[in-house]
Amino acid sequence: MRVLIVDDSPQVASTLEIALSHAGWETAVAHDVAGALEMVSSLPSLDAVVTDLDMPRMDGYALIAALRAHPCVTRAAVVVTSGSTASDVESQALAAGANAFFSKPYSPAAVRQTLERLVNGGTQAHP
């Protein structure tokens, strides 16, 4: 299974990348939305995307919209992570097209379990 991790924090992205790689996932990492969109076009298949919401220039909402409109990845599971304390951020992410949401800090193992559940047939997961 192939996942794209999008987070402007190299440390956060690396921690999740290591956890998913150890579980057998093929990972790719982008540190902004523009880089993620370039990668989406070059990856032969993509099962899932884990994206932060708060990034410079373009946010995770813009990425979700682009993914849902992209013919190669419309079915990819999208998991959103955010450090935002706004009370409606989860509902906004799910309304934008995300399948699951995690507040930071989150457990990489919980993200992996949710990804596996989503990729193996589920449509929405709430940890």
N, C-alpha and C. Protein backbone atom coordinates (compact mmCIF):
# COMPACT_ATOMS: atom_id res chain seq x y z
N MET A 1 0.85 -1.17 0.00
CA MET A 1 0.00 0.00 0.00
C MET A 1 0.90 1.24 0.00
N ARG A 2 0.46 2.24 -0.72
CA ARG A 2 1.26 3.45 -0.88
C ARG A 2 0.53 4.64 -0.27
N VAL A 3 1.27 5.42 0.53
CA VAL A 3 0.71 6.59 1.20
C VAL A 3 1.60 7.81 0.96
N LEU A 4 0.97 8.94 0.78
CA LEU A 4 1.66 10.22 0.68
C LEU A 4 1.42 10.97 1.98
N ILE A 5 2.49 11.39 2.62
CA ILE A 5 2.43 12.15 3.87
C ILE A 5 2.75 13.60 3.53
N VAL A 6 1.87 14.51 3.92
CA VAL A 6 2.06 15.93 3.61
C VAL A 6 2.03 16.71 4.92
N ASP A 7 3.18 17.22 5.31
CA ASP A 7 3.28 18.01 6.54
C ASP A 7 4.46 18.94 6.40
N ASP A 8 4.28 20.21 6.77
CA ASP A 8 5.38 21.16 6.66
C ASP A 8 6.43 20.99 7.76
N SER A 9 6.16 20.15 8.73
CA SER A 9 7.14 19.85 9.76
C SER A 9 7.90 18.56 9.39
N PRO A 10 9.19 18.69 9.05
CA PRO A 10 9.95 17.48 8.70
C PRO A 10 9.95 16.44 9.82
N GLN A 11 9.97 16.86 11.07
CA GLN A 11 9.99 15.92 12.19
C GLN A 11 8.68 15.14 12.27
N VAL A 12 7.56 15.81 12.14
CA VAL A 12 6.26 15.14 12.19
C VAL A 12 6.13 14.16 11.02
N ALA A 13 6.50 14.63 9.83
CA ALA A 13 6.41 13.77 8.64
C ALA A 13 7.31 12.55 8.78
N SER A 14 8.51 12.75 9.29
CA SER A 14 9.46 11.65 9.44
C SER A 14 8.98 10.61 10.45
N THR A 15 8.41 11.06 11.55
CA THR A 15 7.91 10.14 12.56
C THR A 15 6.81 9.24 11.99
N LEU A 16 5.90 9.83 11.26
CA LEU A 16 4.82 9.04 10.65
C LEU A 16 5.37 8.15 9.54
N GLU A 17 6.29 8.67 8.76
CA GLU A 17 6.90 7.89 7.68
C GLU A 17 7.57 6.63 8.23
N ILE A 18 8.32 6.77 9.30
CA ILE A 18 8.99 5.62 9.92
C ILE A 18 7.97 4.59 10.40
N ALA A 19 6.94 5.06 11.09
CA ALA A 19 5.92 4.14 11.62
C ALA A 19 5.21 3.38 10.50
N LEU A 20 4.87 4.07 9.43
CA LEU A 20 4.17 3.41 8.33
C LEU A 20 5.10 2.50 7.54
N SER A 21 6.34 2.92 7.35
CA SER A 21 7.32 2.08 6.63
C SER A 21 7.56 0.77 7.37
N HIS A 22 7.67 0.85 8.67
CA HIS A 22 7.88 -0.37 9.47
C HIS A 22 6.68 -1.31 9.39
N ALA A 23 5.52 -0.77 9.07
CA ALA A 23 4.31 -1.60 8.95
C ALA A 23 4.11 -2.09 7.51
N GLY A 24 5.08 -1.82 6.63
CA GLY A 24 5.02 -2.32 5.28
C GLY A 24 4.45 -1.37 4.23
N TRP A 25 4.13 -0.15 4.61
CA TRP A 25 3.61 0.82 3.67
C TRP A 25 4.76 1.41 2.85
N GLU A 26 4.53 1.67 1.57
CA GLU A 26 5.44 2.47 0.76
C GLU A 26 5.06 3.92 1.02
N THR A 27 6.04 4.73 1.36
CA THR A 27 5.73 6.12 1.72
C THR A 27 6.42 7.10 0.79
N ALA A 28 5.78 8.24 0.62
CA ALA A 28 6.36 9.40 -0.04
C ALA A 28 6.02 10.58 0.85
N VAL A 29 6.89 11.57 0.87
CA VAL A 29 6.67 12.72 1.75
C VAL A 29 6.78 14.01 0.94
N ALA A 30 5.85 14.91 1.20
CA ALA A 30 5.90 16.27 0.65
C ALA A 30 5.73 17.23 1.83
N HIS A 31 6.38 18.37 1.74
CA HIS A 31 6.33 19.32 2.85
C HIS A 31 5.44 20.53 2.57
N ASP A 32 4.74 20.49 1.42
CA ASP A 32 3.75 21.51 1.13
C ASP A 32 2.77 20.97 0.09
N VAL A 33 1.70 21.69 -0.12
CA VAL A 33 0.64 21.22 -1.01
C VAL A 33 1.13 21.16 -2.46
N ALA A 34 1.90 22.16 -2.88
CA ALA A 34 2.39 22.16 -4.27
C ALA A 34 3.25 20.92 -4.53
N GLY A 35 4.13 20.59 -3.60
CA GLY A 35 4.95 19.39 -3.75
C GLY A 35 4.11 18.13 -3.75
N ALA A 36 3.08 18.11 -2.93
CA ALA A 36 2.19 16.94 -2.88
C ALA A 36 1.48 16.75 -4.20
N LEU A 37 0.99 17.83 -4.78
CA LEU A 37 0.27 17.72 -6.05
C LEU A 37 1.19 17.27 -7.18
N GLU A 38 2.45 17.70 -7.15
CA GLU A 38 3.42 17.21 -8.14
C GLU A 38 3.62 15.70 -7.97
N MET A 39 3.73 15.25 -6.74
CA MET A 39 3.96 13.84 -6.47
C MET A 39 2.76 12.99 -6.88
N VAL A 40 1.56 13.48 -6.65
CA VAL A 40 0.36 12.73 -7.00
C VAL A 40 0.37 12.36 -8.48
N SER A 41 0.81 13.28 -9.30
CA SER A 41 0.84 13.03 -10.74
C SER A 41 1.91 12.04 -11.14
N SER A 42 2.97 11.92 -10.34
CA SER A 42 4.09 11.05 -10.72
C SER A 42 4.03 9.66 -10.05
N LEU A 43 3.23 9.51 -9.02
CA LEU A 43 3.13 8.21 -8.36
C LEU A 43 2.20 7.29 -9.16
N PRO A 44 2.63 6.05 -9.40
CA PRO A 44 1.80 5.15 -10.21
C PRO A 44 0.46 4.80 -9.57
N SER A 45 0.40 4.73 -8.28
CA SER A 45 -0.86 4.50 -7.58
C SER A 45 -0.71 5.04 -6.17
N LEU A 46 -1.82 5.44 -5.62
CA LEU A 46 -1.80 6.03 -4.29
C LEU A 46 -3.04 5.55 -3.55
N ASP A 47 -2.81 4.87 -2.43
CA ASP A 47 -3.93 4.34 -1.64
C ASP A 47 -4.44 5.33 -0.61
N ALA A 48 -3.54 6.19 -0.12
CA ALA A 48 -3.94 7.09 0.97
C ALA A 48 -3.05 8.32 1.01
N VAL A 49 -3.59 9.36 1.64
CA VAL A 49 -2.86 10.60 1.89
C VAL A 49 -3.12 10.97 3.35
N VAL A 50 -2.04 11.33 4.05
CA VAL A 50 -2.17 11.88 5.39
C VAL A 50 -1.67 13.31 5.29
N THR A 51 -2.51 14.27 5.57
CA THR A 51 -2.13 15.67 5.41
C THR A 51 -2.42 16.51 6.64
N ASP A 52 -1.51 17.41 6.90
CA ASP A 52 -1.71 18.45 7.90
C ASP A 52 -2.66 19.47 7.28
N LEU A 53 -3.36 20.22 8.09
CA LEU A 53 -4.22 21.28 7.56
C LEU A 53 -3.49 22.59 7.45
N ASP A 54 -2.70 22.92 8.45
CA ASP A 54 -2.06 24.23 8.53
C ASP A 54 -0.68 24.20 7.91
N MET A 55 -0.61 24.65 6.64
CA MET A 55 0.67 24.70 5.93
C MET A 55 0.76 26.04 5.21
N PRO A 56 1.99 26.46 4.90
CA PRO A 56 2.15 27.75 4.21
C PRO A 56 1.61 27.71 2.77
N ARG A 57 1.26 28.85 2.27
CA ARG A 57 0.77 29.08 0.91
C ARG A 57 -0.59 28.42 0.62
N MET A 58 -0.66 27.11 0.63
CA MET A 58 -1.93 26.41 0.42
C MET A 58 -2.13 25.47 1.60
N ASP A 59 -3.37 25.37 2.07
CA ASP A 59 -3.61 24.53 3.25
C ASP A 59 -4.11 23.14 2.86
N GLY A 60 -4.33 22.33 3.86
CA GLY A 60 -4.80 20.97 3.65
C GLY A 60 -6.17 20.90 3.01
N TYR A 61 -7.01 21.91 3.23
CA TYR A 61 -8.32 21.93 2.58
C TYR A 61 -8.15 22.02 1.07
N ALA A 62 -7.21 22.85 0.62
CA ALA A 62 -6.95 22.96 -0.83
C ALA A 62 -6.43 21.64 -1.38
N LEU A 63 -5.61 20.95 -0.61
CA LEU A 63 -5.12 19.66 -1.06
C LEU A 63 -6.25 18.64 -1.17
N ILE A 64 -7.12 18.60 -0.18
CA ILE A 64 -8.24 17.66 -0.22
C ILE A 64 -9.10 17.92 -1.46
N ALA A 65 -9.40 19.18 -1.73
CA ALA A 65 -10.22 19.52 -2.90
C ALA A 65 -9.53 19.07 -4.19
N ALA A 66 -8.23 19.29 -4.28
CA ALA A 66 -7.49 18.89 -5.48
C ALA A 66 -7.45 17.37 -5.61
N LEU A 67 -7.28 16.67 -4.50
CA LEU A 67 -7.25 15.20 -4.54
C LEU A 67 -8.60 14.64 -4.97
N ARG A 68 -9.66 15.18 -4.44
CA ARG A 68 -10.99 14.68 -4.76
C ARG A 68 -11.36 14.96 -6.22
N ALA A 69 -10.69 15.94 -6.84
CA ALA A 69 -10.95 16.26 -8.25
C ALA A 69 -9.98 15.56 -9.20
N HIS A 70 -8.90 14.99 -8.66
CA HIS A 70 -7.87 14.36 -9.50
C HIS A 70 -8.31 12.95 -9.89
N PRO A 71 -8.33 12.64 -11.18
CA PRO A 71 -8.86 11.34 -11.61
C PRO A 71 -8.10 10.12 -11.09
N CYS A 72 -6.82 10.28 -10.77
CA CYS A 72 -6.03 9.12 -10.32
C CYS A 72 -6.20 8.82 -8.83
N VAL A 73 -6.67 9.78 -8.06
CA VAL A 73 -6.70 9.57 -6.61
C VAL A 73 -8.04 9.91 -5.95
N THR A 74 -9.09 9.98 -6.72
CA THR A 74 -10.38 10.33 -6.13
C THR A 74 -10.81 9.33 -5.06
N ARG A 75 -10.36 8.08 -5.16
CA ARG A 75 -10.75 7.05 -4.19
C ARG A 75 -9.74 6.87 -3.06
N ALA A 76 -8.63 7.59 -3.09
CA ALA A 76 -7.62 7.44 -2.03
C ALA A 76 -8.21 7.88 -0.70
N ALA A 77 -7.87 7.16 0.35
CA ALA A 77 -8.29 7.55 1.70
C ALA A 77 -7.52 8.81 2.09
N VAL A 78 -8.20 9.76 2.70
CA VAL A 78 -7.55 10.99 3.14
C VAL A 78 -7.72 11.11 4.65
N VAL A 79 -6.60 11.18 5.34
CA VAL A 79 -6.59 11.36 6.79
C VAL A 79 -5.97 12.73 7.07
N VAL A 80 -6.67 13.51 7.86
CA VAL A 80 -6.21 14.86 8.20
C VAL A 80 -5.67 14.87 9.61
N THR A 81 -4.57 15.61 9.79
CA THR A 81 -4.02 15.85 11.12
C THR A 81 -3.98 17.37 11.33
N SER A 82 -4.19 17.79 12.55
CA SER A 82 -4.16 19.23 12.80
C SER A 82 -3.87 19.52 14.26
N GLY A 83 -3.13 20.58 14.46
CA GLY A 83 -2.87 21.07 15.80
C GLY A 83 -3.83 22.19 16.18
N SER A 84 -4.78 22.48 15.32
CA SER A 84 -5.73 23.55 15.56
C SER A 84 -6.60 23.23 16.78
N THR A 85 -6.92 24.26 17.52
CA THR A 85 -7.79 24.09 18.69
C THR A 85 -9.22 24.54 18.39
N ALA A 86 -9.49 24.92 17.15
CA ALA A 86 -10.85 25.34 16.77
C ALA A 86 -11.80 24.17 16.95
N SER A 87 -12.97 24.44 17.49
CA SER A 87 -13.90 23.37 17.82
C SER A 87 -14.51 22.70 16.59
N ASP A 88 -14.52 23.39 15.46
CA ASP A 88 -15.16 22.83 14.27
C ASP A 88 -14.19 22.32 13.22
N VAL A 89 -12.89 22.25 13.54
CA VAL A 89 -11.91 21.86 12.54
C VAL A 89 -12.13 20.43 12.04
N GLU A 90 -12.49 19.52 12.93
CA GLU A 90 -12.73 18.14 12.50
C GLU A 90 -13.92 18.06 11.55
N SER A 91 -15.03 18.70 11.91
CA SER A 91 -16.21 18.63 11.05
C SER A 91 -15.95 19.32 9.71
N GLN A 92 -15.15 20.38 9.69
CA GLN A 92 -14.81 21.04 8.43
C GLN A 92 -13.94 20.13 7.56
N ALA A 93 -13.00 19.43 8.16
CA ALA A 93 -12.13 18.53 7.40
C ALA A 93 -12.94 17.38 6.80
N LEU A 94 -13.84 16.81 7.57
CA LEU A 94 -14.67 15.72 7.07
C LEU A 94 -15.62 16.22 5.98
N ALA A 95 -16.17 17.42 6.15
CA ALA A 95 -17.05 17.99 5.14
C ALA A 95 -16.29 18.29 3.85
N ALA A 96 -15.00 18.59 3.96
CA ALA A 96 -14.17 18.89 2.79
C ALA A 96 -13.81 17.63 2.00
N GLY A 97 -14.02 16.46 2.61
CA GLY A 97 -13.73 15.22 1.90
C GLY A 97 -12.75 14.30 2.58
N ALA A 98 -12.31 14.65 3.78
CA ALA A 98 -11.42 13.75 4.52
C ALA A 98 -12.22 12.56 5.02
N ASN A 99 -11.53 11.44 5.19
CA ASN A 99 -12.18 10.23 5.71
C ASN A 99 -11.99 10.08 7.20
N ALA A 100 -10.95 10.71 7.76
CA ALA A 100 -10.68 10.60 9.19
C ALA A 100 -9.88 11.81 9.64
N PHE A 101 -9.91 12.07 10.93
CA PHE A 101 -9.24 13.24 11.49
C PHE A 101 -8.52 12.86 12.77
N PHE A 102 -7.31 13.40 12.95
CA PHE A 102 -6.55 13.21 14.18
C PHE A 102 -6.04 14.57 14.65
N SER A 103 -6.25 14.85 15.93
CA SER A 103 -5.66 16.04 16.54
C SER A 103 -4.22 15.75 16.90
N LYS A 104 -3.36 16.76 16.74
CA LYS A 104 -1.96 16.62 17.15
C LYS A 104 -1.86 16.94 18.62
N PRO A 105 -1.05 16.24 19.36
CA PRO A 105 -0.25 15.09 18.93
C PRO A 105 -1.14 13.84 18.80
N TYR A 106 -0.78 12.99 17.89
CA TYR A 106 -1.53 11.78 17.64
C TYR A 106 -0.60 10.58 17.71
N SER A 107 -1.19 9.41 17.77
CA SER A 107 -0.44 8.17 17.80
C SER A 107 -0.23 7.69 16.36
N PRO A 108 1.02 7.57 15.90
CA PRO A 108 1.26 7.03 14.55
C PRO A 108 0.63 5.65 14.37
N ALA A 109 0.59 4.84 15.43
CA ALA A 109 -0.03 3.52 15.34
C ALA A 109 -1.54 3.64 15.09
N ALA A 110 -2.18 4.60 15.71
CA ALA A 110 -3.62 4.81 15.49
C ALA A 110 -3.88 5.28 14.06
N VAL A 111 -3.02 6.14 13.54
CA VAL A 111 -3.16 6.59 12.15
C VAL A 111 -3.00 5.38 11.22
N ARG A 112 -2.01 4.55 11.47
CA ARG A 112 -1.78 3.36 10.64
C ARG A 112 -3.00 2.45 10.65
N GLN A 113 -3.55 2.20 11.84
CA GLN A 113 -4.72 1.33 11.95
C GLN A 113 -5.92 1.91 11.18
N THR A 114 -6.10 3.20 11.28
CA THR A 114 -7.19 3.85 10.56
C THR A 114 -6.97 3.76 9.06
N LEU A 115 -5.74 4.00 8.62
CA LEU A 115 -5.43 3.89 7.19
C LEU A 115 -5.72 2.49 6.68
N GLU A 116 -5.30 1.50 7.42
CA GLU A 116 -5.52 0.12 7.00
C GLU A 116 -7.01 -0.19 6.90
N ARG A 117 -7.78 0.30 7.86
CA ARG A 117 -9.23 0.07 7.85
C ARG A 117 -9.86 0.78 6.64
N LEU A 118 -9.44 2.00 6.37
CA LEU A 118 -9.99 2.75 5.25
C LEU A 118 -9.63 2.14 3.91
N VAL A 119 -8.37 1.77 3.75
CA VAL A 119 -7.90 1.22 2.48
C VAL A 119 -8.51 -0.15 2.22
N ASN A 120 -8.79 -0.88 3.27
CA ASN A 120 -9.35 -2.22 3.12
C ASN A 120 -10.87 -2.23 3.11
N GLY A 121 -11.49 -1.12 2.73
CA GLY A 121 -12.92 -1.16 2.50
C GLY A 121 -13.79 -0.15 3.22
N GLY A 122 -13.29 0.51 4.24
CA GLY A 122 -14.12 1.48 4.94
C GLY A 122 -14.14 2.79 4.21
N THR A 123 -15.09 3.66 4.54
CA THR A 123 -15.14 4.97 3.92
C THR A 123 -14.87 6.09 4.90
N GLN A 124 -15.22 5.88 6.14
CA GLN A 124 -15.00 6.91 7.13
C GLN A 124 -14.65 6.27 8.46
N ALA A 125 -13.69 6.88 9.14
CA ALA A 125 -13.26 6.33 10.43
C ALA A 125 -13.08 7.47 11.41
N HIS A 126 -13.51 7.25 12.59
CA HIS A 126 -13.31 8.23 13.66
C HIS A 126 -12.57 7.53 14.79
N PRO A 127 -11.31 7.93 15.00
CA PRO A 127 -10.52 7.27 16.05
C PRO A 127 -11.06 7.50 17.43
